[in-house]
C-alpha cells in the first residue's frame, strides 16, 4: 500500500491536470466563437446595399442621351477704353450792357363785355385722332425695334457658335447623362445596381466579407437613436449572432457603458437592423460591435 502511494499520487495529479486543461480549452473555444467587430472598410458612394461595387454609380437615367459640346476658346482680352478728350477752352464772352427804357404809366383799358363762345367739337375730335395716330405709330416702332433686336441676337448666337466650333479645332466635350437615380456625380455609368452609401467614387478590389461586415456595421450605427443630453464619452459593446442569411438574433450588451438609457438605445439599434442579404461565405457567427455616443466621423 505504501509502495504504491507515490504512483497513485502521480496518477491523480495527472488526471486533475488533464481535467483542468480540458476546461481551459473549452473556455477558449467559447471565447473564440465571438468574433471582434467588423473591420472598417471603404465603401463606394451611392444609394443601395451593393457592398461588392468597386465603382460608384453615375447620376442620371438608364440609356441617357449623350451630348457633344465644343470646348469654348480662350476669352479674348478686353481692349482698353479710349482716354477721354478734354474739351477746347472757351473764350470769355463780355456781358451785354442793358439800358433800361423809361417807365410808362399803364393806361387803363375799358373792360369789354364777356363773350360766351360755343365749344368747337371738331377741333377736339381732330386732337384725339392725332394723339391716337401718334400712339399707334410709337407702338409699331417699338415692336419693330424689338423684332430687330431678336433677329440680331439669333444671328449673333449663330455666328458665335460657328466661331467657337472653328476655334476649338474639332475638340468637343462629351456629356453623358446615362446612370441611375441613386447615383452620384462623377460615378461610373457601368454600375447599374447602385452603391453602398460610402464616400468613395471607387475602391480597390478586396475581401468581400470585409465589405459585407463594413456595410452591416454602418447600417447598425445609422440605426442608433442617440438619447440627448448624455456624455459624449459613453461606449458600449453589443454582441449578436449574424446568421448565414444575414439575420440578427441573440443581441445583448457584453460591456455596458454605465448608462442604462444608452445601453437600451444600442440594443434597439441592433434589433432595428434589417438584413442586407445572405453572407458571401454562407456561414453564421457571433460578432461584437462597439457603439459610441460620439463617433470619430460625427
C-alpha atoms as a PDB file:
ATOM      1  CA  UNK A   1       0.000   0.000   0.000  1.00  0.00           C
ATOM      2  CA  UNK A   2       2.825   2.352   0.992  1.00  0.00           C
ATOM      3  CA  UNK A   3       4.879   1.486  -2.098  1.00  0.00           C
ATOM      4  CA  UNK A   4       2.025   2.345  -4.421  1.00  0.00           C
ATOM      5  CA  UNK A   5       1.322   5.739  -2.844  1.00  0.00           C
ATOM      6  CA  UNK A   6       3.741   7.846  -5.000  1.00  0.00           C
ATOM      7  CA  UNK A   7       2.400   6.364  -8.263  1.00  0.00           C
ATOM      8  CA  UNK A   8      -1.167   6.843  -7.127  1.00  0.00           C
ATOM      9  CA  UNK A   9      -0.474  10.465  -6.280  1.00  0.00           C
ATOM     10  CA  UNK A  10       1.199  10.972  -9.674  1.00  0.00           C
ATOM     11  CA  UNK A  11      -1.750   9.425 -11.482  1.00  0.00           C
ATOM     12  CA  UNK A  12      -4.196  11.582  -9.518  1.00  0.00           C
ATOM     13  CA  UNK A  13      -2.236  14.753 -10.307  1.00  0.00           C
ATOM     14  CA  UNK A  14      -2.081  13.832 -13.989  1.00  0.00           C
ATOM     15  CA  UNK A  15      -5.843  13.291 -14.132  1.00  0.00           C
ATOM     16  CA  UNK A  16      -6.500  16.584 -12.384  1.00  0.00           C
ATOM     17  CA  UNK A  17      -4.146  18.409 -14.759  1.00  0.00           C
ATOM     18  CA  UNK A  18      -5.858  16.820 -17.739  1.00  0.00           C
ATOM     19  CA  UNK A  19      -9.264  17.954 -16.490  1.00  0.00           C
ATOM     20  CA  UNK A  20      -8.017  21.499 -15.948  1.00  0.00           C
ATOM     21  CA  UNK A  21      -6.536  21.564 -19.461  1.00  0.00           C
ATOM     22  CA  UNK A  22      -9.810  20.384 -20.988  1.00  0.00           C
ATOM     23  CA  UNK A  23     -11.708  23.064 -19.065  1.00  0.00           C
ATOM     24  CA  UNK A  24      -9.316  25.766 -20.336  1.00  0.00           C
ATOM     25  CA  UNK A  25      -9.665  24.549 -23.927  1.00  0.00           C
ATOM     26  CA  UNK A  26     -13.461  24.664 -23.669  1.00  0.00           C
ATOM     27  CA  UNK A  27     -13.343  28.186 -22.262  1.00  0.00           C
ATOM     28  CA  UNK A  28     -11.040  29.308 -25.066  1.00  0.00           C
ATOM     29  CA  UNK A  29     -13.315  27.759 -27.688  1.00  0.00           C
ATOM     30  CA  UNK A  30     -16.328  29.600 -26.272  1.00  0.00           C
ATOM     31  CA  UNK A  31     -14.461  32.902 -26.208  1.00  0.00           C
ATOM     32  CA  UNK A  32     -13.072  32.444 -29.736  1.00  0.00           C
ATOM     33  CA  UNK A  33     -16.601  31.930 -31.060  1.00  0.00           C
ATOM     34  CA  UNK A  34     -17.219  35.678 -30.568  1.00  0.00           C
ATOM     35  CA  UNK A  35     -15.587  37.493 -33.459  1.00  0.00           C
ATOM     36  CA  UNK A  36     -14.362  41.008 -32.998  1.00  0.00           C
ATOM     37  CA  UNK A  37     -16.294  43.873 -34.524  1.00  0.00           C
ATOM     38  CA  UNK A  38     -16.231  44.197 -38.330  1.00  0.00           C
ATOM     39  CA  UNK A  39     -13.259  45.981 -39.813  1.00  0.00           C
ATOM     40  CA  UNK A  40     -13.621  49.484 -41.182  1.00  0.00           C
ATOM     41  CA  UNK A  41     -13.742  49.048 -44.940  1.00  0.00           C
ATOM     42  CA  UNK A  42     -14.103  51.734 -47.586  1.00  0.00           C
ATOM     43  CA  UNK A  43     -17.412  51.592 -49.444  1.00  0.00           C
ATOM     44  CA  UNK A  44     -18.350  53.361 -52.664  1.00  0.00           C
ATOM     45  CA  UNK A  45     -20.908  56.183 -52.690  1.00  0.00           C
ATOM     46  CA  UNK A  46     -24.471  55.982 -53.967  1.00  0.00           C
ATOM     47  CA  UNK A  47     -27.742  54.600 -52.656  1.00  0.00           C
ATOM     48  CA  UNK A  48     -28.148  50.858 -52.159  1.00  0.00           C
ATOM     49  CA  UNK A  49     -26.601  47.809 -50.471  1.00  0.00           C
ATOM     50  CA  UNK A  50     -24.153  46.889 -53.220  1.00  0.00           C
ATOM     51  CA  UNK A  51     -21.191  46.276 -50.882  1.00  0.00           C
ATOM     52  CA  UNK A  52     -19.286  44.481 -53.642  1.00  0.00           C
ATOM     53  CA  UNK A  53     -19.244  47.500 -56.001  1.00  0.00           C
ATOM     54  CA  UNK A  54     -15.816  48.799 -56.984  1.00  0.00           C
ATOM     55  CA  UNK A  55     -17.165  51.989 -58.600  1.00  0.00           C
ATOM     56  CA  UNK A  56     -19.955  54.328 -57.518  1.00  0.00           C
ATOM     57  CA  UNK A  57     -22.914  54.526 -59.928  1.00  0.00           C
ATOM     58  CA  UNK A  58     -23.279  57.604 -62.109  1.00  0.00           C
ATOM     59  CA  UNK A  59     -26.161  60.007 -61.559  1.00  0.00           C
ATOM     60  CA  UNK A  60     -28.577  60.033 -64.489  1.00  0.00           C
ATOM     61  CA  UNK A  61     -31.174  57.877 -66.196  1.00  0.00           C
ATOM     62  CA  UNK A  62     -30.860  54.482 -67.912  1.00  0.00           C
ATOM     63  CA  UNK A  63     -29.927  54.982 -71.560  1.00  0.00           C
ATOM     64  CA  UNK A  64     -29.431  58.718 -71.057  1.00  0.00           C
ATOM     65  CA  UNK A  65     -28.637  60.923 -74.022  1.00  0.00           C
ATOM     66  CA  UNK A  66     -25.091  61.758 -74.999  1.00  0.00           C
ATOM     67  CA  UNK A  67     -24.363  65.393 -75.926  1.00  0.00           C
ATOM     68  CA  UNK A  68     -21.215  66.769 -77.543  1.00  0.00           C
ATOM     69  CA  UNK A  69     -20.412  70.378 -76.632  1.00  0.00           C
ATOM     70  CA  UNK A  70     -17.486  72.251 -78.254  1.00  0.00           C
ATOM     71  CA  UNK A  71     -14.884  73.478 -75.835  1.00  0.00           C
ATOM     72  CA  UNK A  72     -15.073  77.288 -75.643  1.00  0.00           C
ATOM     73  CA  UNK A  73     -11.952  79.147 -76.823  1.00  0.00           C
ATOM     74  CA  UNK A  74      -9.911  81.289 -74.512  1.00  0.00           C
ATOM     75  CA  UNK A  75     -11.546  84.632 -73.826  1.00  0.00           C
ATOM     76  CA  UNK A  76     -10.126  87.465 -75.916  1.00  0.00           C
ATOM     77  CA  UNK A  77      -8.567  90.316 -73.921  1.00  0.00           C
ATOM     78  CA  UNK A  78     -10.832  93.325 -73.481  1.00  0.00           C
ATOM     79  CA  UNK A  79      -9.499  96.369 -75.436  1.00  0.00           C
ATOM     80  CA  UNK A  80      -8.576  99.335 -73.225  1.00  0.00           C
ATOM     81  CA  UNK A  81     -11.123 102.127 -73.033  1.00  0.00           C
ATOM     82  CA  UNK A  82     -10.176 105.258 -75.019  1.00  0.00           C
ATOM     83  CA  UNK A  83      -8.750 108.124 -72.978  1.00  0.00           C
ATOM     84  CA  UNK A  84     -11.211 110.982 -72.514  1.00  0.00           C
ATOM     85  CA  UNK A  85     -10.533 114.065 -74.693  1.00  0.00           C
ATOM     86  CA  UNK A  86     -10.583 117.371 -72.863  1.00  0.00           C
ATOM     87  CA  UNK A  87     -12.913 119.968 -74.445  1.00  0.00           C
ATOM     88  CA  UNK A  88     -11.220 123.062 -76.019  1.00  0.00           C
ATOM     89  CA  UNK A  89     -11.102 126.154 -73.827  1.00  0.00           C
ATOM     90  CA  UNK A  90     -13.935 128.594 -74.443  1.00  0.00           C
ATOM     91  CA  UNK A  91     -13.318 132.269 -74.920  1.00  0.00           C
ATOM     92  CA  UNK A  92     -14.885 134.589 -72.401  1.00  0.00           C
ATOM     93  CA  UNK A  93     -17.886 136.460 -73.842  1.00  0.00           C
ATOM     94  CA  UNK A  94     -18.413 140.006 -72.493  1.00  0.00           C
ATOM     95  CA  UNK A  95     -21.696 140.520 -70.786  1.00  0.00           C
ATOM     96  CA  UNK A  96     -24.079 142.832 -72.733  1.00  0.00           C
ATOM     97  CA  UNK A  97     -24.925 146.239 -71.268  1.00  0.00           C
ATOM     98  CA  UNK A  98     -28.639 146.570 -70.724  1.00  0.00           C
ATOM     99  CA  UNK A  99     -30.161 150.054 -70.884  1.00  0.00           C
ATOM    100  CA  UNK A 100     -33.497 150.439 -69.171  1.00  0.00           C
ATOM    101  CA  UNK A 101     -36.188 152.234 -71.106  1.00  0.00           C
ATOM    102  CA  UNK A 102     -38.157 154.936 -69.307  1.00  0.00           C
ATOM    103  CA  UNK A 103     -41.135 153.588 -67.496  1.00  0.00           C
ATOM    104  CA  UNK A 104     -44.518 154.391 -68.981  1.00  0.00           C
ATOM    105  CA  UNK A 105     -47.576 154.686 -66.931  1.00  0.00           C
ATOM    106  CA  UNK A 106     -50.095 151.995 -67.761  1.00  0.00           C
ATOM    107  CA  UNK A 107     -53.303 153.148 -69.387  1.00  0.00           C
ATOM    108  CA  UNK A 108     -56.354 151.554 -68.003  1.00  0.00           C
ATOM    109  CA  UNK A 109     -58.351 149.934 -70.791  1.00  0.00           C
ATOM    110  CA  UNK A 110     -62.044 149.929 -70.755  1.00  0.00           C
ATOM    111  CA  UNK A 111     -63.220 146.411 -69.981  1.00  0.00           C
ATOM    112  CA  UNK A 112     -65.142 144.728 -72.774  1.00  0.00           C
ATOM    113  CA  UNK A 113     -68.210 142.745 -72.060  1.00  0.00           C
ATOM    114  CA  UNK A 114     -67.529 138.985 -71.702  1.00  0.00           C
ATOM    115  CA  UNK A 115     -68.452 136.938 -74.731  1.00  0.00           C
ATOM    116  CA  UNK A 116     -69.632 133.355 -74.387  1.00  0.00           C
ATOM    117  CA  UNK A 117     -68.070 131.097 -77.063  1.00  0.00           C
ATOM    118  CA  UNK A 118     -69.563 127.752 -78.050  1.00  0.00           C
ATOM    119  CA  UNK A 119     -67.136 124.718 -77.735  1.00  0.00           C
ATOM    120  CA  UNK A 120     -65.532 123.609 -81.002  1.00  0.00           C
ATOM    121  CA  UNK A 121     -66.107 119.809 -81.047  1.00  0.00           C
ATOM    122  CA  UNK A 122     -64.412 119.346 -84.406  1.00  0.00           C
ATOM    123  CA  UNK A 123     -61.059 120.569 -83.035  1.00  0.00           C
ATOM    124  CA  UNK A 124     -61.318 118.268 -80.029  1.00  0.00           C
ATOM    125  CA  UNK A 125     -62.013 115.286 -82.280  1.00  0.00           C
ATOM    126  CA  UNK A 126     -59.042 116.152 -84.500  1.00  0.00           C
ATOM    127  CA  UNK A 127     -56.721 116.372 -81.485  1.00  0.00           C
ATOM    128  CA  UNK A 128     -57.875 112.943 -80.277  1.00  0.00           C
ATOM    129  CA  UNK A 129     -57.317 111.462 -83.727  1.00  0.00           C
ATOM    130  CA  UNK A 130     -53.816 112.932 -83.890  1.00  0.00           C
ATOM    131  CA  UNK A 131     -52.912 111.594 -80.434  1.00  0.00           C
ATOM    132  CA  UNK A 132     -54.241 108.101 -81.321  1.00  0.00           C
ATOM    133  CA  UNK A 133     -52.247 108.011 -84.559  1.00  0.00           C
ATOM    134  CA  UNK A 134     -49.060 109.102 -82.747  1.00  0.00           C
ATOM    135  CA  UNK A 135     -49.556 106.416 -80.095  1.00  0.00           C
ATOM    136  CA  UNK A 136     -50.158 103.715 -82.714  1.00  0.00           C
ATOM    137  CA  UNK A 137     -47.035 104.746 -84.645  1.00  0.00           C
ATOM    138  CA  UNK A 138     -44.963 104.614 -81.450  1.00  0.00           C
ATOM    139  CA  UNK A 139     -46.187 101.081 -80.631  1.00  0.00           C
ATOM    140  CA  UNK A 140     -45.446  99.883 -84.179  1.00  0.00           C
ATOM    141  CA  UNK A 141     -41.966 101.378 -83.978  1.00  0.00           C
ATOM    142  CA  UNK A 142     -41.364  99.708 -80.615  1.00  0.00           C
ATOM    143  CA  UNK A 143     -42.445  96.307 -81.936  1.00  0.00           C
ATOM    144  CA  UNK A 144     -40.214  96.650 -84.971  1.00  0.00           C
ATOM    145  CA  UNK A 145     -37.201  97.544 -82.817  1.00  0.00           C
ATOM    146  CA  UNK A 146     -37.858  94.523 -80.553  1.00  0.00           C
ATOM    147  CA  UNK A 147     -38.137  92.231 -83.574  1.00  0.00           C
ATOM    148  CA  UNK A 148     -34.911  93.629 -84.972  1.00  0.00           C
ATOM    149  CA  UNK A 149     -33.115  93.049 -81.668  1.00  0.00           C
ATOM    150  CA  UNK A 150     -34.400  89.460 -81.505  1.00  0.00           C
ATOM    151  CA  UNK A 151     -33.218  88.719 -85.035  1.00  0.00           C
ATOM    152  CA  UNK A 152     -29.870  90.348 -84.307  1.00  0.00           C
ATOM    153  CA  UNK A 153     -29.379  88.199 -81.195  1.00  0.00           C
ATOM    154  CA  UNK A 154     -30.234  85.000 -83.067  1.00  0.00           C
ATOM    155  CA  UNK A 155     -27.780  85.909 -85.791  1.00  0.00           C
ATOM    156  CA  UNK A 156     -25.136  86.774 -83.200  1.00  0.00           C
ATOM    157  CA  UNK A 157     -25.631  83.428 -81.404  1.00  0.00           C
ATOM    158  CA  UNK A 158     -25.432  81.534 -84.687  1.00  0.00           C
ATOM    159  CA  UNK A 159     -22.222  83.283 -85.691  1.00  0.00           C
ATOM    160  CA  UNK A 160     -20.759  82.859 -82.209  1.00  0.00           C
ATOM    161  CA  UNK A 161     -21.420  79.095 -82.270  1.00  0.00           C
ATOM    162  CA  UNK A 162     -19.709  78.885 -85.621  1.00  0.00           C
ATOM    163  CA  UNK A 163     -16.691  80.802 -84.294  1.00  0.00           C
ATOM    164  CA  UNK A 164     -16.434  78.582 -81.207  1.00  0.00           C
ATOM    165  CA  UNK A 165     -16.616  75.415 -83.297  1.00  0.00           C
ATOM    166  CA  UNK A 166     -13.927  76.737 -85.648  1.00  0.00           C
ATOM    167  CA  UNK A 167     -11.648  77.883 -82.813  1.00  0.00           C
ATOM    168  CA  UNK A 168     -11.930  74.566 -80.963  1.00  0.00           C
ATOM    169  CA  UNK A 169     -10.386  72.768 -83.917  1.00  0.00           C
ATOM    170  CA  UNK A 170     -12.948  69.968 -83.693  1.00  0.00           C
ATOM    171  CA  UNK A 171     -12.345  69.312 -79.967  1.00  0.00           C
ATOM    172  CA  UNK A 172     -15.595  68.589 -78.129  1.00  0.00           C
ATOM    173  CA  UNK A 173     -16.694  67.641 -74.631  1.00  0.00           C
ATOM    174  CA  UNK A 174     -18.884  64.554 -74.306  1.00  0.00           C
ATOM    175  CA  UNK A 175     -21.671  64.877 -71.759  1.00  0.00           C
ATOM    176  CA  UNK A 176     -23.166  61.505 -70.842  1.00  0.00           C
ATOM    177  CA  UNK A 177     -26.434  61.581 -68.877  1.00  0.00           C
ATOM    178  CA  UNK A 178     -26.600  57.796 -68.543  1.00  0.00           C
ATOM    179  CA  UNK A 179     -26.778  56.438 -64.983  1.00  0.00           C
ATOM    180  CA  UNK A 180     -29.291  55.720 -62.216  1.00  0.00           C
ATOM    181  CA  UNK A 181     -31.398  57.920 -59.961  1.00  0.00           C
ATOM    182  CA  UNK A 182     -29.463  56.856 -56.834  1.00  0.00           C
ATOM    183  CA  UNK A 183     -26.068  57.562 -58.365  1.00  0.00           C
ATOM    184  CA  UNK A 184     -23.580  60.336 -57.700  1.00  0.00           C
ATOM    185  CA  UNK A 185     -21.860  62.958 -59.838  1.00  0.00           C
ATOM    186  CA  UNK A 186     -18.586  61.563 -61.115  1.00  0.00           C
ATOM    187  CA  UNK A 187     -19.680  57.925 -60.827  1.00  0.00           C
ATOM    188  CA  UNK A 188     -19.437  55.241 -63.469  1.00  0.00           C
ATOM    189  CA  UNK A 189     -22.253  54.507 -65.928  1.00  0.00           C
ATOM    190  CA  UNK A 190     -21.118  50.868 -65.911  1.00  0.00           C
ATOM    191  CA  UNK A 191     -22.580  50.390 -62.401  1.00  0.00           C
ATOM    192  CA  UNK A 192     -26.310  49.731 -62.857  1.00  0.00           C
ATOM    193  CA  UNK A 193     -27.026  48.150 -59.444  1.00  0.00           C
ATOM    194  CA  UNK A 194     -26.334  51.007 -57.015  1.00  0.00           C
ATOM    195  CA  UNK A 195     -23.747  51.911 -54.418  1.00  0.00           C
ATOM    196  CA  UNK A 196     -23.229  51.143 -50.750  1.00  0.00           C
ATOM    197  CA  UNK A 197     -23.720  54.509 -49.043  1.00  0.00           C
ATOM    198  CA  UNK A 198     -19.995  55.212 -48.682  1.00  0.00           C
ATOM    199  CA  UNK A 199     -17.928  58.225 -49.653  1.00  0.00           C
ATOM    200  CA  UNK A 200     -15.518  56.921 -52.308  1.00  0.00           C
ATOM    201  CA  UNK A 201     -16.090  57.081 -56.071  1.00  0.00           C
ATOM    202  CA  UNK A 202     -14.042  53.890 -56.484  1.00  0.00           C
ATOM    203  CA  UNK A 203     -12.129  51.389 -54.391  1.00  0.00           C
ATOM    204  CA  UNK A 204      -9.619  48.631 -54.937  1.00  0.00           C
ATOM    205  CA  UNK A 205     -10.797  45.050 -55.006  1.00  0.00           C
ATOM    206  CA  UNK A 206     -10.599  43.464 -51.560  1.00  0.00           C
ATOM    207  CA  UNK A 207     -12.080  40.787 -49.347  1.00  0.00           C
ATOM    208  CA  UNK A 208     -15.829  40.587 -49.972  1.00  0.00           C
ATOM    209  CA  UNK A 209     -16.552  39.595 -46.355  1.00  0.00           C
ATOM    210  CA  UNK A 210     -14.811  42.736 -45.091  1.00  0.00           C
ATOM    211  CA  UNK A 211     -17.049  44.843 -47.341  1.00  0.00           C
ATOM    212  CA  UNK A 212     -20.130  42.927 -46.143  1.00  0.00           C
ATOM    213  CA  UNK A 213     -19.238  43.415 -42.463  1.00  0.00           C
ATOM    214  CA  UNK A 214     -18.479  47.096 -43.089  1.00  0.00           C
ATOM    215  CA  UNK A 215     -21.971  47.653 -44.511  1.00  0.00           C
ATOM    216  CA  UNK A 216     -23.569  45.774 -41.577  1.00  0.00           C
ATOM    217  CA  UNK A 217     -21.631  47.997 -39.170  1.00  0.00           C
ATOM    218  CA  UNK A 218     -22.675  51.217 -40.951  1.00  0.00           C
ATOM    219  CA  UNK A 219     -26.352  50.258 -41.061  1.00  0.00           C
ATOM    220  CA  UNK A 220     -26.423  49.342 -37.357  1.00  0.00           C
ATOM    221  CA  UNK A 221     -24.722  52.574 -36.349  1.00  0.00           C
ATOM    222  CA  UNK A 222     -27.057  54.585 -38.571  1.00  0.00           C
ATOM    223  CA  UNK A 223     -29.970  52.927 -36.742  1.00  0.00           C
ATOM    224  CA  UNK A 224     -28.685  54.147 -33.347  1.00  0.00           C
ATOM    225  CA  UNK A 225     -31.043  56.796 -31.967  1.00  0.00           C
ATOM    226  CA  UNK A 226     -28.726  58.588 -29.556  1.00  0.00           C
ATOM    227  CA  UNK A 227     -30.517  59.873 -26.442  1.00  0.00           C
ATOM    228  CA  UNK A 228     -30.000  63.627 -25.990  1.00  0.00           C
ATOM    229  CA  UNK A 229     -28.150  65.106 -23.053  1.00  0.00           C
ATOM    230  CA  UNK A 230     -25.744  62.191 -22.469  1.00  0.00           C
ATOM    231  CA  UNK A 231     -21.969  62.311 -22.228  1.00  0.00           C
ATOM    232  CA  UNK A 232     -20.016  62.008 -25.483  1.00  0.00           C
ATOM    233  CA  UNK A 233     -17.614  59.560 -23.819  1.00  0.00           C
ATOM    234  CA  UNK A 234     -20.186  56.757 -23.440  1.00  0.00           C
ATOM    235  CA  UNK A 235     -19.182  53.480 -25.127  1.00  0.00           C
ATOM    236  CA  UNK A 236     -20.977  50.122 -25.141  1.00  0.00           C
ATOM    237  CA  UNK A 237     -20.213  46.780 -26.815  1.00  0.00           C
ATOM    238  CA  UNK A 238     -23.053  44.658 -28.161  1.00  0.00           C
ATOM    239  CA  UNK A 239     -22.831  41.004 -29.132  1.00  0.00           C
ATOM    240  CA  UNK A 240     -25.195  39.377 -31.600  1.00  0.00           C
ATOM    241  CA  UNK A 241     -25.390  36.346 -33.857  1.00  0.00           C
ATOM    242  CA  UNK A 242     -25.272  37.104 -37.582  1.00  0.00           C
ATOM    243  CA  UNK A 243     -26.803  34.155 -39.432  1.00  0.00           C
ATOM    244  CA  UNK A 244     -25.826  32.848 -42.850  1.00  0.00           C
ATOM    245  CA  UNK A 245     -28.902  34.562 -44.287  1.00  0.00           C
ATOM    246  CA  UNK A 246     -27.888  37.915 -42.777  1.00  0.00           C
ATOM    247  CA  UNK A 247     -30.449  37.825 -39.942  1.00  0.00           C
ATOM    248  CA  UNK A 248     -29.593  39.021 -36.426  1.00  0.00           C
ATOM    249  CA  UNK A 249     -30.533  37.259 -33.183  1.00  0.00           C
ATOM    250  CA  UNK A 250     -29.447  36.958 -29.539  1.00  0.00           C
ATOM    251  CA  UNK A 251     -28.409  40.594 -29.105  1.00  0.00           C
ATOM    252  CA  UNK A 252     -27.026  41.502 -25.664  1.00  0.00           C
ATOM    253  CA  UNK A 253     -24.733  44.079 -24.047  1.00  0.00           C
ATOM    254  CA  UNK A 254     -21.368  42.401 -23.359  1.00  0.00           C
ATOM    255  CA  UNK A 255     -19.770  45.568 -21.988  1.00  0.00           C
ATOM    256  CA  UNK A 256     -22.026  48.224 -20.547  1.00  0.00           C
ATOM    257  CA  UNK A 257     -21.500  51.939 -20.982  1.00  0.00           C
ATOM    258  CA  UNK A 258     -22.597  52.519 -17.397  1.00  0.00           C
ATOM    259  CA  UNK A 259     -25.716  54.314 -18.632  1.00  0.00           C
ATOM    260  CA  UNK A 260     -28.867  52.211 -18.916  1.00  0.00           C
ATOM    261  CA  UNK A 261     -30.514  54.589 -21.395  1.00  0.00           C
ATOM    262  CA  UNK A 262     -27.593  54.412 -23.833  1.00  0.00           C
ATOM    263  CA  UNK A 263     -27.375  50.614 -23.474  1.00  0.00           C
ATOM    264  CA  UNK A 264     -31.066  50.292 -24.353  1.00  0.00           C
ATOM    265  CA  UNK A 265     -30.560  52.530 -27.397  1.00  0.00           C
ATOM    266  CA  UNK A 266     -27.711  50.264 -28.572  1.00  0.00           C
ATOM    267  CA  UNK A 267     -29.850  47.123 -28.231  1.00  0.00           C
ATOM    268  CA  UNK A 268     -32.697  48.852 -30.082  1.00  0.00           C
ATOM    269  CA  UNK A 269     -30.309  49.750 -32.926  1.00  0.00           C
ATOM    270  CA  UNK A 270     -29.149  46.135 -33.275  1.00  0.00           C
ATOM    271  CA  UNK A 271     -32.742  44.857 -33.156  1.00  0.00           C
ATOM    272  CA  UNK A 272     -33.826  47.517 -35.678  1.00  0.00           C
ATOM    273  CA  UNK A 273     -31.271  46.330 -38.217  1.00  0.00           C
ATOM    274  CA  UNK A 274     -32.672  44.743 -41.378  1.00  0.00           C
ATOM    275  CA  UNK A 275     -30.621  42.231 -43.336  1.00  0.00           C
ATOM    276  CA  UNK A 276     -28.695  43.235 -46.449  1.00  0.00           C
ATOM    277  CA  UNK A 277     -28.889  39.677 -47.720  1.00  0.00           C
ATOM    278  CA  UNK A 278     -27.104  36.394 -47.235  1.00  0.00           C
ATOM    279  CA  UNK A 279     -23.464  36.404 -46.227  1.00  0.00           C
ATOM    280  CA  UNK A 280     -20.984  35.730 -49.033  1.00  0.00           C
ATOM    281  CA  UNK A 281     -19.439  32.847 -47.032  1.00  0.00           C
ATOM    282  CA  UNK A 282     -22.872  31.331 -46.180  1.00  0.00           C
ATOM    283  CA  UNK A 283     -21.837  30.900 -42.537  1.00  0.00           C
ATOM    284  CA  UNK A 284     -23.148  32.200 -39.216  1.00  0.00           C
ATOM    285  CA  UNK A 285     -21.169  33.512 -36.237  1.00  0.00           C
ATOM    286  CA  UNK A 286     -21.323  35.742 -33.181  1.00  0.00           C
ATOM    287  CA  UNK A 287     -19.996  39.275 -33.627  1.00  0.00           C
ATOM    288  CA  UNK A 288     -19.142  42.124 -31.246  1.00  0.00           C
ATOM    289  CA  UNK A 289     -19.723  45.744 -32.293  1.00  0.00           C
ATOM    290  CA  UNK A 290     -18.691  48.853 -30.354  1.00  0.00           C
ATOM    291  CA  UNK A 291     -21.131  51.777 -30.236  1.00  0.00           C
ATOM    292  CA  UNK A 292     -20.026  55.275 -29.163  1.00  0.00           C
ATOM    293  CA  UNK A 293     -22.124  58.261 -28.196  1.00  0.00           C
ATOM    294  CA  UNK A 294     -19.796  60.357 -30.361  1.00  0.00           C
ATOM    295  CA  UNK A 295     -18.216  58.557 -33.302  1.00  0.00           C
ATOM    296  CA  UNK A 296     -14.954  59.775 -34.789  1.00  0.00           C
ATOM    297  CA  UNK A 297     -16.636  60.694 -38.084  1.00  0.00           C
ATOM    298  CA  UNK A 298     -19.548  62.627 -36.415  1.00  0.00           C
END
